[in-house]
Amino acid sequence: MPPSGGATTVWRHRWQPADDQHRTAYGYQPETVQHSQHITTTPQLGDALLFNPASYHAVESSPGGRRIAFAFFLVLTTTGQLITWS
């Protein structure tokens, strides 16, 4: 784990056409989600953070260390079965 950084924020906001007025070269300006509920957490070694990536999210840089992440698809079917794939 890096000695600092790595905090992840997830906002309760999914893309809407009006958001494009806040678009930058990569991502969106903070004004896009300024009135949306959010949560910020800093995962620790061995933690897993699951969230819908369709929600706006950001990860703070981790200076002085390495952050390893992986992504996959996870779905809960109507019968209650969890299915994963990548």
N, C-alpha and C. Protein backbone atom coordinates (compact mmCIF):
# COMPACT_ATOMS: atom_id res chain seq x y z
N MET A 1 0.83 -1.18 0.00
CA MET A 1 0.00 0.00 0.00
C MET A 1 0.88 1.25 0.00
N PRO A 2 0.48 2.24 -0.80
CA PRO A 2 1.21 3.51 -0.76
C PRO A 2 1.05 4.15 0.62
N PRO A 3 2.03 4.94 1.05
CA PRO A 3 1.94 5.57 2.37
C PRO A 3 0.82 6.61 2.48
N SER A 4 0.35 7.14 1.34
CA SER A 4 -0.73 8.11 1.38
C SER A 4 -1.49 8.07 0.06
N GLY A 5 -2.65 8.73 0.05
CA GLY A 5 -3.45 8.80 -1.17
C GLY A 5 -4.30 7.56 -1.37
N GLY A 6 -4.90 7.48 -2.54
CA GLY A 6 -5.71 6.32 -2.89
C GLY A 6 -7.16 6.40 -2.48
N ALA A 7 -7.58 7.51 -1.88
CA ALA A 7 -8.99 7.64 -1.48
C ALA A 7 -9.87 7.59 -2.74
N THR A 8 -10.96 6.89 -2.64
CA THR A 8 -11.90 6.77 -3.75
C THR A 8 -13.21 7.45 -3.36
N THR A 9 -13.72 8.29 -4.26
CA THR A 9 -15.01 8.95 -4.05
C THR A 9 -15.96 8.49 -5.13
N VAL A 10 -17.17 8.12 -4.71
CA VAL A 10 -18.23 7.72 -5.64
C VAL A 10 -19.43 8.63 -5.37
N TRP A 11 -19.93 9.26 -6.44
CA TRP A 11 -21.08 10.16 -6.34
C TRP A 11 -22.34 9.45 -6.79
N ARG A 12 -23.46 9.80 -6.20
CA ARG A 12 -24.76 9.28 -6.62
C ARG A 12 -25.23 10.12 -7.80
N HIS A 13 -24.55 9.94 -8.92
CA HIS A 13 -24.84 10.72 -10.12
C HIS A 13 -24.34 9.93 -11.32
N ARG A 14 -25.21 9.68 -12.25
CA ARG A 14 -24.82 9.04 -13.51
C ARG A 14 -24.89 10.08 -14.61
N TRP A 15 -24.18 9.82 -15.70
CA TRP A 15 -24.09 10.77 -16.79
C TRP A 15 -25.47 11.18 -17.27
N GLN A 16 -25.61 12.49 -17.53
CA GLN A 16 -26.80 13.07 -18.13
C GLN A 16 -26.34 14.00 -19.25
N PRO A 17 -27.14 14.21 -20.29
CA PRO A 17 -26.71 15.07 -21.40
C PRO A 17 -26.20 16.44 -20.95
N ALA A 18 -26.80 17.03 -19.93
CA ALA A 18 -26.39 18.35 -19.46
C ALA A 18 -24.97 18.34 -18.88
N ASP A 19 -24.45 17.17 -18.51
CA ASP A 19 -23.11 17.07 -17.95
C ASP A 19 -22.03 17.46 -18.95
N ASP A 20 -22.32 17.35 -20.24
CA ASP A 20 -21.31 17.64 -21.25
C ASP A 20 -20.84 19.08 -21.24
N GLN A 21 -21.60 19.99 -20.63
CA GLN A 21 -21.13 21.38 -20.52
C GLN A 21 -19.94 21.47 -19.56
N HIS A 22 -19.70 20.45 -18.75
CA HIS A 22 -18.59 20.43 -17.80
C HIS A 22 -17.47 19.50 -18.24
N ARG A 23 -17.55 18.99 -19.47
CA ARG A 23 -16.55 18.04 -19.96
C ARG A 23 -15.19 18.71 -20.14
N THR A 24 -14.13 17.98 -19.79
CA THR A 24 -12.77 18.45 -20.01
C THR A 24 -12.10 17.47 -20.97
N ALA A 25 -10.82 17.65 -21.21
CA ALA A 25 -10.11 16.75 -22.11
C ALA A 25 -10.22 15.31 -21.63
N TYR A 26 -10.15 15.12 -20.33
CA TYR A 26 -10.31 13.77 -19.75
C TYR A 26 -11.17 13.90 -18.51
N GLY A 27 -12.41 13.52 -18.59
CA GLY A 27 -13.28 13.57 -17.43
C GLY A 27 -14.18 14.80 -17.41
N TYR A 28 -14.59 15.17 -16.19
CA TYR A 28 -15.54 16.25 -16.00
C TYR A 28 -15.08 17.16 -14.87
N GLN A 29 -15.48 18.40 -14.93
CA GLN A 29 -15.15 19.37 -13.88
C GLN A 29 -15.95 19.03 -12.61
N PRO A 30 -15.43 19.40 -11.45
CA PRO A 30 -16.12 19.09 -10.18
C PRO A 30 -17.55 19.62 -10.11
N GLU A 31 -17.86 20.70 -10.84
CA GLU A 31 -19.21 21.27 -10.81
C GLU A 31 -20.27 20.25 -11.25
N THR A 32 -19.87 19.26 -12.01
CA THR A 32 -20.80 18.24 -12.50
C THR A 32 -21.51 17.52 -11.37
N VAL A 33 -20.81 17.29 -10.27
CA VAL A 33 -21.37 16.49 -9.17
C VAL A 33 -21.45 17.26 -7.86
N GLN A 34 -21.29 18.58 -7.91
CA GLN A 34 -21.19 19.36 -6.67
C GLN A 34 -22.41 19.25 -5.75
N HIS A 35 -23.58 18.94 -6.28
CA HIS A 35 -24.78 18.84 -5.45
C HIS A 35 -25.24 17.40 -5.25
N SER A 36 -24.41 16.45 -5.63
CA SER A 36 -24.77 15.03 -5.53
C SER A 36 -24.24 14.42 -4.23
N GLN A 37 -25.01 13.48 -3.68
CA GLN A 37 -24.52 12.74 -2.52
C GLN A 37 -23.28 11.96 -2.94
N HIS A 38 -22.37 11.76 -1.99
CA HIS A 38 -21.16 11.01 -2.30
C HIS A 38 -20.62 10.34 -1.05
N ILE A 39 -19.72 9.41 -1.27
CA ILE A 39 -19.00 8.75 -0.18
C ILE A 39 -17.55 8.67 -0.59
N THR A 40 -16.66 8.86 0.38
CA THR A 40 -15.22 8.75 0.14
C THR A 40 -14.66 7.73 1.12
N THR A 41 -13.85 6.83 0.62
CA THR A 41 -13.23 5.81 1.45
C THR A 41 -11.81 5.57 0.97
N THR A 42 -10.96 5.18 1.88
CA THR A 42 -9.58 4.83 1.53
C THR A 42 -9.39 3.35 1.80
N PRO A 43 -9.43 2.54 0.76
CA PRO A 43 -9.25 1.10 0.96
C PRO A 43 -7.88 0.78 1.56
N GLN A 44 -7.84 -0.23 2.37
CA GLN A 44 -6.61 -0.71 2.98
C GLN A 44 -6.21 -2.04 2.35
N LEU A 45 -5.02 -2.50 2.64
CA LEU A 45 -4.51 -3.74 2.09
C LEU A 45 -5.51 -4.88 2.27
N GLY A 46 -5.87 -5.51 1.17
CA GLY A 46 -6.80 -6.64 1.20
C GLY A 46 -8.27 -6.25 1.03
N ASP A 47 -8.59 -4.96 1.04
CA ASP A 47 -9.97 -4.52 0.87
C ASP A 47 -10.41 -4.63 -0.58
N ALA A 48 -11.67 -4.82 -0.77
CA ALA A 48 -12.28 -4.78 -2.11
C ALA A 48 -13.36 -3.71 -2.07
N LEU A 49 -13.40 -2.90 -3.09
CA LEU A 49 -14.39 -1.84 -3.18
C LEU A 49 -15.25 -2.11 -4.41
N LEU A 50 -16.52 -2.41 -4.20
CA LEU A 50 -17.44 -2.69 -5.30
C LEU A 50 -18.41 -1.53 -5.44
N PHE A 51 -18.50 -1.00 -6.66
CA PHE A 51 -19.46 0.05 -6.95
C PHE A 51 -19.78 0.01 -8.43
N ASN A 52 -20.89 0.62 -8.80
CA ASN A 52 -21.30 0.66 -10.19
C ASN A 52 -20.45 1.72 -10.90
N PRO A 53 -19.61 1.34 -11.85
CA PRO A 53 -18.75 2.32 -12.51
C PRO A 53 -19.50 3.30 -13.39
N ALA A 54 -20.81 3.11 -13.57
CA ALA A 54 -21.60 4.09 -14.30
C ALA A 54 -21.81 5.35 -13.46
N SER A 55 -21.60 5.25 -12.15
CA SER A 55 -21.66 6.42 -11.28
C SER A 55 -20.34 7.16 -11.39
N TYR A 56 -20.41 8.49 -11.34
CA TYR A 56 -19.18 9.27 -11.37
C TYR A 56 -18.31 8.85 -10.19
N HIS A 57 -17.02 8.71 -10.43
CA HIS A 57 -16.09 8.32 -9.38
C HIS A 57 -14.70 8.88 -9.68
N ALA A 58 -13.90 8.98 -8.64
CA ALA A 58 -12.54 9.48 -8.77
C ALA A 58 -11.66 8.79 -7.74
N VAL A 59 -10.40 8.58 -8.11
CA VAL A 59 -9.42 7.98 -7.20
C VAL A 59 -8.27 8.97 -7.05
N GLU A 60 -7.99 9.31 -5.80
CA GLU A 60 -6.90 10.23 -5.49
C GLU A 60 -5.56 9.57 -5.83
N SER A 61 -4.62 10.34 -6.33
CA SER A 61 -3.32 9.78 -6.67
C SER A 61 -2.62 9.25 -5.41
N SER A 62 -1.68 8.35 -5.62
CA SER A 62 -0.94 7.72 -4.52
C SER A 62 0.55 7.97 -4.70
N PRO A 63 1.02 9.15 -4.31
CA PRO A 63 2.44 9.44 -4.50
C PRO A 63 3.31 8.55 -3.63
N GLY A 64 4.43 8.16 -4.15
CA GLY A 64 5.38 7.38 -3.36
C GLY A 64 5.03 5.92 -3.21
N GLY A 65 4.09 5.43 -4.00
CA GLY A 65 3.73 4.03 -3.89
C GLY A 65 3.00 3.55 -5.10
N ARG A 66 2.64 2.30 -5.10
CA ARG A 66 1.98 1.70 -6.24
C ARG A 66 0.58 1.26 -5.85
N ARG A 67 -0.36 1.50 -6.73
CA ARG A 67 -1.74 1.09 -6.52
C ARG A 67 -2.07 0.07 -7.60
N ILE A 68 -2.59 -1.05 -7.20
CA ILE A 68 -2.96 -2.09 -8.15
C ILE A 68 -4.47 -2.24 -8.11
N ALA A 69 -5.08 -2.21 -9.29
CA ALA A 69 -6.53 -2.35 -9.38
C ALA A 69 -6.86 -3.32 -10.50
N PHE A 70 -7.98 -3.99 -10.36
CA PHE A 70 -8.48 -4.81 -11.45
C PHE A 70 -9.98 -4.65 -11.50
N ALA A 71 -10.54 -4.88 -12.67
CA ALA A 71 -11.98 -4.70 -12.87
C ALA A 71 -12.57 -5.92 -13.53
N PHE A 72 -13.82 -6.17 -13.25
CA PHE A 72 -14.54 -7.27 -13.86
C PHE A 72 -16.04 -6.97 -13.78
N PHE A 73 -16.81 -7.74 -14.48
CA PHE A 73 -18.26 -7.58 -14.45
C PHE A 73 -18.85 -8.50 -13.40
N LEU A 74 -19.80 -7.99 -12.66
CA LEU A 74 -20.48 -8.74 -11.61
C LEU A 74 -21.96 -8.43 -11.72
N VAL A 75 -22.79 -9.45 -11.74
CA VAL A 75 -24.23 -9.23 -11.87
C VAL A 75 -24.98 -10.15 -10.91
N LEU A 76 -26.06 -9.65 -10.37
CA LEU A 76 -26.97 -10.44 -9.56
C LEU A 76 -28.19 -10.71 -10.41
N THR A 77 -28.43 -11.97 -10.73
CA THR A 77 -29.55 -12.31 -11.61
C THR A 77 -30.87 -12.21 -10.86
N THR A 78 -31.97 -12.31 -11.59
CA THR A 78 -33.30 -12.25 -10.98
C THR A 78 -33.56 -13.47 -10.08
N THR A 79 -32.76 -14.51 -10.23
CA THR A 79 -32.90 -15.71 -9.38
C THR A 79 -31.96 -15.65 -8.19
N GLY A 80 -31.21 -14.56 -8.04
CA GLY A 80 -30.32 -14.40 -6.89
C GLY A 80 -28.93 -14.97 -7.09
N GLN A 81 -28.59 -15.37 -8.29
CA GLN A 81 -27.26 -15.94 -8.57
C GLN A 81 -26.28 -14.82 -8.92
N LEU A 82 -25.07 -14.89 -8.34
CA LEU A 82 -24.01 -13.95 -8.68
C LEU A 82 -23.19 -14.53 -9.81
N ILE A 83 -22.98 -13.73 -10.85
CA ILE A 83 -22.20 -14.17 -12.00
C ILE A 83 -21.11 -13.14 -12.24
N THR A 84 -19.88 -13.61 -12.49
CA THR A 84 -18.76 -12.71 -12.81
C THR A 84 -18.16 -13.11 -14.15
N TRP A 85 -17.62 -12.13 -14.85
CA TRP A 85 -16.89 -12.37 -16.11
C TRP A 85 -16.05 -11.14 -16.39
N SER A 86 -15.13 -11.31 -17.33
CA SER A 86 -14.33 -10.13 -17.72
C SER A 86 -14.17 -10.09 -19.22
